[in-house]
Amino acid sequence: MFLSLRDVTKTFGNVTAVDSVSLEIQEGELICFLGPSGCGKTTLLRLIAGLEQSDSGQICMADKDLAKTAERDRNFGMMFQSYSLFPNMTVAKNIAYGLECRKWRKGEIGSRVVEMLELVHLEDQLDKQPSQLSGGQQQRVALARALAPKPYVLLLDEPLSALDAKVRGSLRGEIRKLQQGLGITTVMVTHDQEEALTMADRVVVMNEGVIEQVDSPVEIYSRPSTSFVANFIGTMNFLDANASADGKVRLGEVEISCANWRLDPSPNQPVRLAVRPEDVHFQAQQEGLPNSVMAEVVWVEFLGSIYRIDLALGGDETQMIRTELSANMMREMNLSTGMCLPVVLPAEMLWVYGA
């Protein structure tokens, strides 16, 4: 394996920031550490970079333990959230700085700077100061500087969080295309689910210093391994239920079949039933269908191209689920608050976790 973390632990006083984390990172992939603030994702990135030292465990590259390799000798490119450009240097000199520190020849430095500026489409900005650039342009310079020394690994620490939404959406696509084109192994930290799901080959969901799940974005979203992942990624409805028999749960007076179990419960054990909003189906004027539950429309919210609908199952407002309808479907169904109609919770789209 190209980059390997083996039982890595890091504490700060009485706080365990990273707790026995093991992870294999493949050459050429973009892997994303995703989680809430304080989950340990940035600490883990800094451990890989050599900016922090682990208390125990190993970080190896191509089976070589990096413990005794200083940060400056790892040849890892780092792109920070705050850009960290030198304000008194031109764009070209910012990019050249790392190459000069590595004793590149002057002629090679000049050609590499030009190559990097062309790569990030800033070849006409080489003589400007960072203060003369937009936030997106400054981030491109920071990316060019990180890539200039031909690093083995590119490390991105919340690279887009300081940008506005439109620029962020555009730049994440550019970074992903560059990463794929160069084939450089990349580790990115973010708290933004959309960034992780759109950019990463694999997502590492972290919580309280441990890894909850490592998988492709599609699998992370569609097959969450824990209730934390299910709740953290996207929008998930949770319902209180009790385990029944033969792969079913009891939801009020109704038994529901469930295909995806994340525990082996005893009879009548309280469980949490989870379903995505898009997997809740309306069945107007039809009753008695498998996994069908009567629901009352308690809230309708217009969001432009879609409507968000809140439903009380069996009229019980302690058992609420949310679904979404396209504007076209909403016009066809003509839903309004107070209406009661059956909804179907497809067994293959239901997940059962411990209560």
Protein backbone atom coordinates (compact mmCIF):
# COMPACT_ATOMS: atom_id res chain seq x y z
CA MET A 1 0.00 0.00 0.00
CA PHE A 2 1.27 3.50 -0.87
CA LEU A 3 0.44 5.30 2.39
CA SER A 4 -0.46 3.35 5.51
CA LEU A 5 -1.63 4.39 8.97
CA ARG A 6 -1.40 1.70 11.64
CA ASP A 7 -3.05 2.17 15.05
CA VAL A 8 -2.18 5.88 15.11
CA THR A 9 -3.06 7.67 18.36
CA LYS A 10 -2.60 11.31 19.35
CA THR A 11 -3.63 12.94 22.62
CA PHE A 12 -3.54 16.53 23.83
CA GLY A 13 -3.61 16.45 27.61
CA ASN A 14 -6.70 14.50 28.59
CA VAL A 15 -8.22 14.71 25.11
CA THR A 16 -7.70 11.87 22.63
CA ALA A 17 -7.82 13.58 19.25
CA VAL A 18 -7.02 10.48 17.19
CA ASP A 19 -7.75 7.07 18.68
CA SER A 20 -6.02 3.96 17.22
CA VAL A 21 -6.74 4.91 13.58
CA SER A 22 -5.71 2.46 10.86
CA LEU A 23 -6.11 3.31 7.18
CA GLU A 24 -4.66 2.25 3.84
CA ILE A 25 -4.41 4.94 1.14
CA GLN A 26 -3.88 3.86 -2.44
CA GLU A 27 -1.51 5.59 -4.84
CA GLY A 28 -3.25 8.14 -7.04
CA GLU A 29 -6.54 8.32 -5.12
CA LEU A 30 -8.18 11.33 -3.53
CA ILE A 31 -9.32 10.42 -0.04
CA CYS A 32 -11.30 12.79 2.13
CA PHE A 33 -11.47 13.04 5.93
CA LEU A 34 -14.98 14.19 6.75
CA GLY A 35 -16.58 14.87 10.10
CA PRO A 36 -17.83 17.50 12.54
CA SER A 37 -15.56 19.99 14.27
CA GLY A 38 -13.33 18.31 16.84
CA CYS A 39 -13.59 14.83 15.32
CA GLY A 40 -9.80 14.55 14.75
CA LYS A 41 -9.64 14.95 10.98
CA THR A 42 -7.25 17.93 10.93
CA THR A 43 -5.03 16.36 13.60
CA LEU A 44 -4.80 13.22 11.47
CA LEU A 45 -3.79 15.28 8.43
CA ARG A 46 -1.12 17.09 10.45
CA LEU A 47 0.22 13.74 11.66
CA ILE A 48 0.57 12.59 8.06
CA ALA A 49 2.29 15.87 7.15
CA GLY A 50 4.73 15.56 10.05
CA LEU A 51 3.47 18.77 11.69
CA GLU A 52 2.46 16.70 14.74
CA GLN A 53 4.02 13.54 16.17
CA SER A 54 1.82 10.60 17.11
CA ASP A 55 1.92 9.12 20.61
CA SER A 56 1.81 5.60 19.20
CA GLY A 57 1.32 3.75 15.94
CA GLN A 58 3.01 4.09 12.58
CA ILE A 59 2.62 6.19 9.44
CA CYS A 60 4.39 4.51 6.55
CA MET A 61 4.90 5.39 2.90
CA ALA A 62 5.75 2.43 0.66
CA ASP A 63 6.44 0.48 3.90
CA LYS A 64 8.94 3.08 5.15
CA ASP A 65 8.14 4.40 8.64
CA LEU A 66 8.00 8.21 8.49
CA ALA A 67 8.47 8.69 12.25
CA LYS A 68 12.07 9.85 11.86
CA THR A 69 11.50 11.79 8.63
CA ALA A 70 11.12 15.51 9.27
CA GLU A 71 8.20 17.36 7.71
CA ARG A 72 10.47 19.21 5.26
CA ASP A 73 11.99 15.93 4.05
CA ARG A 74 8.73 14.09 3.34
CA ASN A 75 8.13 15.95 0.06
CA PHE A 76 4.44 16.36 0.80
CA GLY A 77 2.67 19.37 -0.71
CA MET A 78 0.43 21.23 1.76
CA MET A 79 -2.38 23.61 0.90
CA PHE A 80 -3.83 25.48 3.87
CA GLN A 81 -7.28 26.92 4.47
CA SER A 82 -5.81 30.41 4.88
CA TYR A 83 -3.71 30.25 1.64
CA SER A 84 -0.55 31.29 3.59
CA LEU A 85 0.87 33.20 0.62
CA PHE A 86 3.75 35.59 1.21
CA PRO A 87 2.20 39.07 0.85
CA ASN A 88 5.51 40.74 -0.08
CA MET A 89 6.22 38.33 -2.95
CA THR A 90 4.79 38.20 -6.44
CA VAL A 91 2.74 35.23 -7.59
CA ALA A 92 5.76 33.82 -9.43
CA LYS A 93 8.04 34.20 -6.42
CA ASN A 94 5.47 32.56 -4.13
CA ILE A 95 5.46 29.50 -6.37
CA ALA A 96 9.25 29.53 -6.73
CA TYR A 97 9.91 29.78 -3.00
CA GLY A 98 9.58 26.08 -2.23
CA LEU A 99 11.76 25.16 -5.19
CA GLU A 100 14.50 27.54 -4.05
CA CYS A 101 14.39 25.97 -0.58
CA ARG A 102 14.89 22.58 -2.22
CA LYS A 103 17.93 23.90 -4.16
CA TRP A 104 16.41 23.57 -7.62
CA ARG A 105 18.47 25.09 -10.43
CA LYS A 106 17.46 28.61 -11.45
CA GLY A 107 16.54 27.62 -15.00
CA GLU A 108 14.45 24.69 -13.78
CA ILE A 109 12.68 26.94 -11.29
CA GLY A 110 11.67 29.42 -13.98
CA SER A 111 10.27 26.77 -16.31
CA ARG A 112 8.45 25.00 -13.45
CA VAL A 113 6.83 28.27 -12.31
CA VAL A 114 5.56 28.89 -15.85
CA GLU A 115 4.29 25.31 -16.05
CA MET A 116 2.41 25.63 -12.76
CA LEU A 117 0.86 28.98 -13.70
CA GLU A 118 -0.39 27.48 -16.96
CA LEU A 119 -1.76 24.50 -15.03
CA VAL A 120 -3.91 26.74 -12.84
CA HIS A 121 -4.69 29.24 -15.64
CA LEU A 122 -2.90 32.20 -14.04
CA GLU A 123 -0.07 32.71 -16.51
CA ASP A 124 -1.05 36.38 -16.93
CA GLN A 125 -0.86 37.05 -13.15
CA LEU A 126 2.75 36.11 -12.42
CA ASP A 127 3.92 39.65 -11.50
CA LYS A 128 0.97 40.54 -9.27
CA GLN A 129 0.96 40.61 -5.49
CA PRO A 130 -1.46 38.27 -3.66
CA SER A 131 -3.48 41.29 -2.48
CA GLN A 132 -4.28 42.07 -6.12
CA LEU A 133 -5.93 38.68 -6.66
CA SER A 134 -9.39 37.37 -5.83
CA GLY A 135 -9.83 34.67 -3.22
CA GLY A 136 -10.21 32.01 -5.89
CA GLN A 137 -7.05 33.17 -7.66
CA GLN A 138 -5.10 33.18 -4.40
CA GLN A 139 -6.20 29.60 -3.77
CA ARG A 140 -5.00 28.63 -7.25
CA VAL A 141 -1.61 30.14 -6.47
CA ALA A 142 -1.48 28.18 -3.21
CA LEU A 143 -2.32 25.01 -5.14
CA ALA A 144 0.37 25.73 -7.74
CA ARG A 145 2.93 26.33 -4.98
CA ALA A 146 2.01 23.02 -3.31
CA LEU A 147 2.32 21.11 -6.58
CA ALA A 148 5.48 22.80 -7.86
CA PRO A 149 8.06 20.57 -6.06
CA LYS A 150 6.40 17.42 -7.53
CA PRO A 151 5.29 16.09 -4.13
CA TYR A 152 4.57 12.44 -3.47
CA VAL A 153 1.35 13.37 -1.67
CA LEU A 154 -0.84 16.49 -1.76
CA LEU A 155 -2.46 17.45 1.56
CA LEU A 156 -5.45 19.81 1.51
CA ASP A 157 -6.66 21.34 4.79
CA GLU A 158 -10.19 22.76 4.29
CA PRO A 159 -8.96 24.24 0.99
CA LEU A 160 -12.21 25.89 -0.09
CA SER A 161 -13.91 26.93 3.14
CA ALA A 162 -12.86 30.61 2.89
CA LEU A 163 -14.45 31.06 -0.55
CA ASP A 164 -18.01 31.99 -1.44
CA ALA A 165 -20.35 29.22 -2.60
CA LYS A 166 -20.14 29.90 -6.35
CA VAL A 167 -16.34 30.09 -6.45
CA ARG A 168 -16.11 27.05 -4.16
CA GLY A 169 -18.25 24.96 -6.49
CA SER A 170 -16.17 25.91 -9.52
CA LEU A 171 -12.78 25.47 -7.85
CA ARG A 172 -13.52 22.04 -6.39
CA GLY A 173 -14.13 20.77 -9.92
CA GLU A 174 -10.83 22.28 -11.08
CA ILE A 175 -8.90 20.72 -8.18
CA ARG A 176 -10.45 17.31 -8.85
CA LYS A 177 -9.62 17.45 -12.56
CA LEU A 178 -6.05 18.52 -11.79
CA GLN A 179 -5.65 15.74 -9.25
CA GLN A 180 -6.92 13.13 -11.69
CA GLY A 181 -4.81 14.49 -14.53
CA LEU A 182 -1.63 14.46 -12.45
CA GLY A 183 -2.49 11.18 -10.73
CA ILE A 184 -1.21 12.56 -7.43
CA THR A 185 -2.22 10.90 -4.16
CA THR A 186 -4.30 13.46 -2.30
CA VAL A 187 -5.64 13.63 1.26
CA MET A 188 -8.22 16.32 1.91
CA VAL A 189 -9.88 17.49 5.13
CA THR A 190 -13.35 19.04 5.00
CA HIS A 191 -16.51 19.43 7.03
CA ASP A 192 -18.48 20.04 3.82
CA GLN A 193 -20.38 16.91 2.78
CA GLU A 194 -20.90 18.15 -0.76
CA GLU A 195 -17.15 18.63 -1.27
CA ALA A 196 -16.43 15.16 0.04
CA LEU A 197 -19.13 13.43 -2.01
CA THR A 198 -18.28 15.20 -5.27
CA MET A 199 -14.47 15.14 -5.08
CA ALA A 200 -13.33 12.00 -3.27
CA ASP A 201 -12.66 8.48 -4.48
CA ARG A 202 -13.21 7.38 -0.88
CA VAL A 203 -14.58 9.19 2.14
CA VAL A 204 -13.35 8.61 5.70
CA VAL A 205 -16.13 9.61 8.11
CA MET A 206 -14.68 10.42 11.53
CA ASN A 207 -16.28 10.99 14.92
CA GLU A 208 -14.59 11.59 18.27
CA GLY A 209 -11.18 10.51 17.03
CA VAL A 210 -12.21 7.24 15.42
CA ILE A 211 -13.21 6.17 11.92
CA GLU A 212 -16.90 5.35 11.59
CA GLN A 213 -16.80 4.26 7.94
CA VAL A 214 -14.46 4.27 4.92
CA ASP A 215 -16.11 3.84 1.55
CA SER A 216 -16.94 5.39 -1.81
CA PRO A 217 -19.23 8.43 -1.71
CA VAL A 218 -22.11 6.40 -3.13
CA GLU A 219 -21.72 3.68 -0.50
CA ILE A 220 -21.31 6.18 2.32
CA TYR A 221 -24.59 7.82 1.36
CA SER A 222 -26.63 4.77 0.38
CA ARG A 223 -25.27 2.18 2.85
CA PRO A 224 -24.28 3.96 6.09
CA SER A 225 -22.68 1.49 8.48
CA THR A 226 -23.60 3.35 11.70
CA SER A 227 -26.40 5.62 12.84
CA PHE A 228 -23.84 8.44 13.15
CA VAL A 229 -22.94 8.16 9.46
CA ALA A 230 -26.60 7.89 8.51
CA ASN A 231 -27.40 11.04 10.46
CA PHE A 232 -24.30 13.03 9.46
CA ILE A 233 -24.36 12.39 5.70
CA GLY A 234 -27.26 14.03 3.90
CA THR A 235 -30.73 14.03 5.42
CA MET A 236 -32.05 10.94 7.16
CA ASN A 237 -35.39 10.26 8.83
CA PHE A 238 -35.21 8.33 12.11
CA LEU A 239 -38.22 6.60 13.64
CA ASP A 240 -38.59 4.87 16.99
CA ALA A 241 -39.60 1.24 16.56
CA ASN A 242 -39.31 -2.19 18.19
CA ALA A 243 -37.75 -5.30 16.72
CA SER A 244 -40.23 -7.95 15.69
CA ALA A 245 -39.67 -11.29 13.98
CA ASP A 246 -38.60 -12.36 10.48
CA GLY A 247 -36.74 -9.17 9.58
CA LYS A 248 -39.53 -6.85 10.65
CA VAL A 249 -39.99 -3.98 13.06
CA ARG A 250 -43.17 -2.77 14.72
CA LEU A 251 -43.93 0.87 14.02
CA GLY A 252 -46.95 1.72 16.15
CA GLU A 253 -49.61 -0.77 15.13
CA VAL A 254 -47.94 -1.65 11.82
CA GLU A 255 -45.24 -4.22 11.07
CA ILE A 256 -42.63 -3.09 8.57
CA SER A 257 -40.22 -5.33 6.67
CA CYS A 258 -36.60 -4.12 6.65
CA ALA A 259 -33.78 -5.39 4.45
CA ASN A 260 -30.79 -3.67 6.08
CA TRP A 261 -29.95 -4.48 9.68
CA ARG A 262 -26.93 -3.10 11.53
CA LEU A 263 -27.59 -5.14 14.67
CA ASP A 264 -28.97 -8.51 15.75
CA PRO A 265 -31.73 -7.48 18.18
CA SER A 266 -33.73 -9.52 20.63
CA PRO A 267 -37.56 -9.55 20.34
CA ASN A 268 -39.20 -6.25 21.29
CA GLN A 269 -35.83 -4.50 21.58
CA PRO A 270 -36.10 -0.74 20.84
CA VAL A 271 -34.44 0.15 17.53
CA ARG A 272 -34.03 3.16 15.26
CA LEU A 273 -35.54 2.84 11.79
CA ALA A 274 -33.91 5.06 9.16
CA VAL A 275 -35.02 6.07 5.66
CA ARG A 276 -33.90 8.79 3.25
CA PRO A 277 -36.49 11.43 2.25
CA GLU A 278 -36.25 10.48 -1.42
CA ASP A 279 -37.10 6.86 -0.57
CA VAL A 280 -40.48 7.69 0.99
CA HIS A 281 -43.14 7.01 -1.67
CA PHE A 282 -46.67 8.35 -1.85
CA GLN A 283 -49.44 5.95 -2.88
CA ALA A 284 -52.54 8.09 -3.28
CA GLN A 285 -55.86 6.25 -2.99
CA GLN A 286 -54.19 2.88 -2.36
CA GLU A 287 -54.15 1.04 0.94
CA GLY A 288 -52.98 -2.35 2.09
CA LEU A 289 -49.69 -2.25 0.16
CA PRO A 290 -46.57 -3.85 1.73
CA ASN A 291 -44.84 -1.48 4.17
CA SER A 292 -47.70 1.00 3.78
CA VAL A 293 -48.39 3.44 6.62
CA MET A 294 -51.06 6.11 6.84
CA ALA A 295 -49.59 9.60 7.23
CA GLU A 296 -50.89 13.10 7.75
CA VAL A 297 -49.36 16.06 5.92
CA VAL A 298 -48.42 18.56 8.63
CA TRP A 299 -46.13 20.94 6.72
CA VAL A 300 -45.48 21.89 3.09
CA GLU A 301 -42.46 24.03 2.23
CA PHE A 302 -41.85 25.49 -1.24
CA LEU A 303 -38.18 25.45 -2.32
CA GLY A 304 -38.40 26.35 -5.99
CA SER A 305 -37.96 23.19 -8.04
CA ILE A 306 -38.96 20.98 -5.10
CA TYR A 307 -41.39 20.93 -2.20
CA ARG A 308 -40.41 19.62 1.23
CA ILE A 309 -43.20 17.68 2.95
CA ASP A 310 -43.32 16.81 6.66
CA LEU A 311 -45.52 13.83 7.55
CA ALA A 312 -46.83 12.45 10.85
CA LEU A 313 -47.10 8.68 10.64
CA GLY A 314 -50.45 7.49 11.92
CA GLY A 315 -51.18 11.09 12.83
CA ASP A 316 -48.57 10.85 15.62
CA GLU A 317 -46.37 13.96 15.56
CA THR A 318 -43.70 12.18 17.61
CA GLN A 319 -43.13 9.94 14.55
CA MET A 320 -42.28 12.47 11.86
CA ILE A 321 -40.67 11.87 8.49
CA ARG A 322 -39.67 14.28 5.76
CA THR A 323 -39.86 13.69 2.04
CA GLU A 324 -39.44 15.81 -1.08
CA LEU A 325 -41.49 16.11 -4.24
CA SER A 326 -40.66 17.76 -7.54
CA ALA A 327 -42.82 20.75 -8.44
CA ASN A 328 -44.42 18.71 -11.23
CA MET A 329 -45.31 15.85 -8.86
CA MET A 330 -46.67 18.33 -6.34
CA ARG A 331 -49.00 19.79 -8.94
CA GLU A 332 -50.25 16.31 -9.83
CA MET A 333 -50.88 15.27 -6.22
CA ASN A 334 -52.05 18.67 -4.97
CA LEU A 335 -51.00 17.93 -1.39
CA SER A 336 -51.97 20.29 1.41
CA THR A 337 -51.67 20.31 5.18
CA GLY A 338 -54.18 18.11 6.96
CA MET A 339 -54.47 15.54 4.15
CA CYS A 340 -54.12 11.87 5.13
CA LEU A 341 -52.83 9.32 2.65
CA PRO A 342 -50.73 6.14 2.63
CA VAL A 343 -46.96 6.27 2.19
CA VAL A 344 -44.76 3.28 1.40
CA LEU A 345 -41.40 2.71 3.11
CA PRO A 346 -39.59 0.28 0.76
CA ALA A 347 -37.93 -2.56 2.69
CA GLU A 348 -34.72 -2.38 0.64
CA MET A 349 -34.33 1.31 1.54
CA LEU A 350 -34.81 0.91 5.29
CA TRP A 351 -31.94 0.69 7.77
CA VAL A 352 -32.20 -0.53 11.36
CA TYR A 353 -29.76 0.62 14.05
CA GLY A 354 -29.59 0.27 17.80
CA ALA A 355 -31.70 2.72 19.78
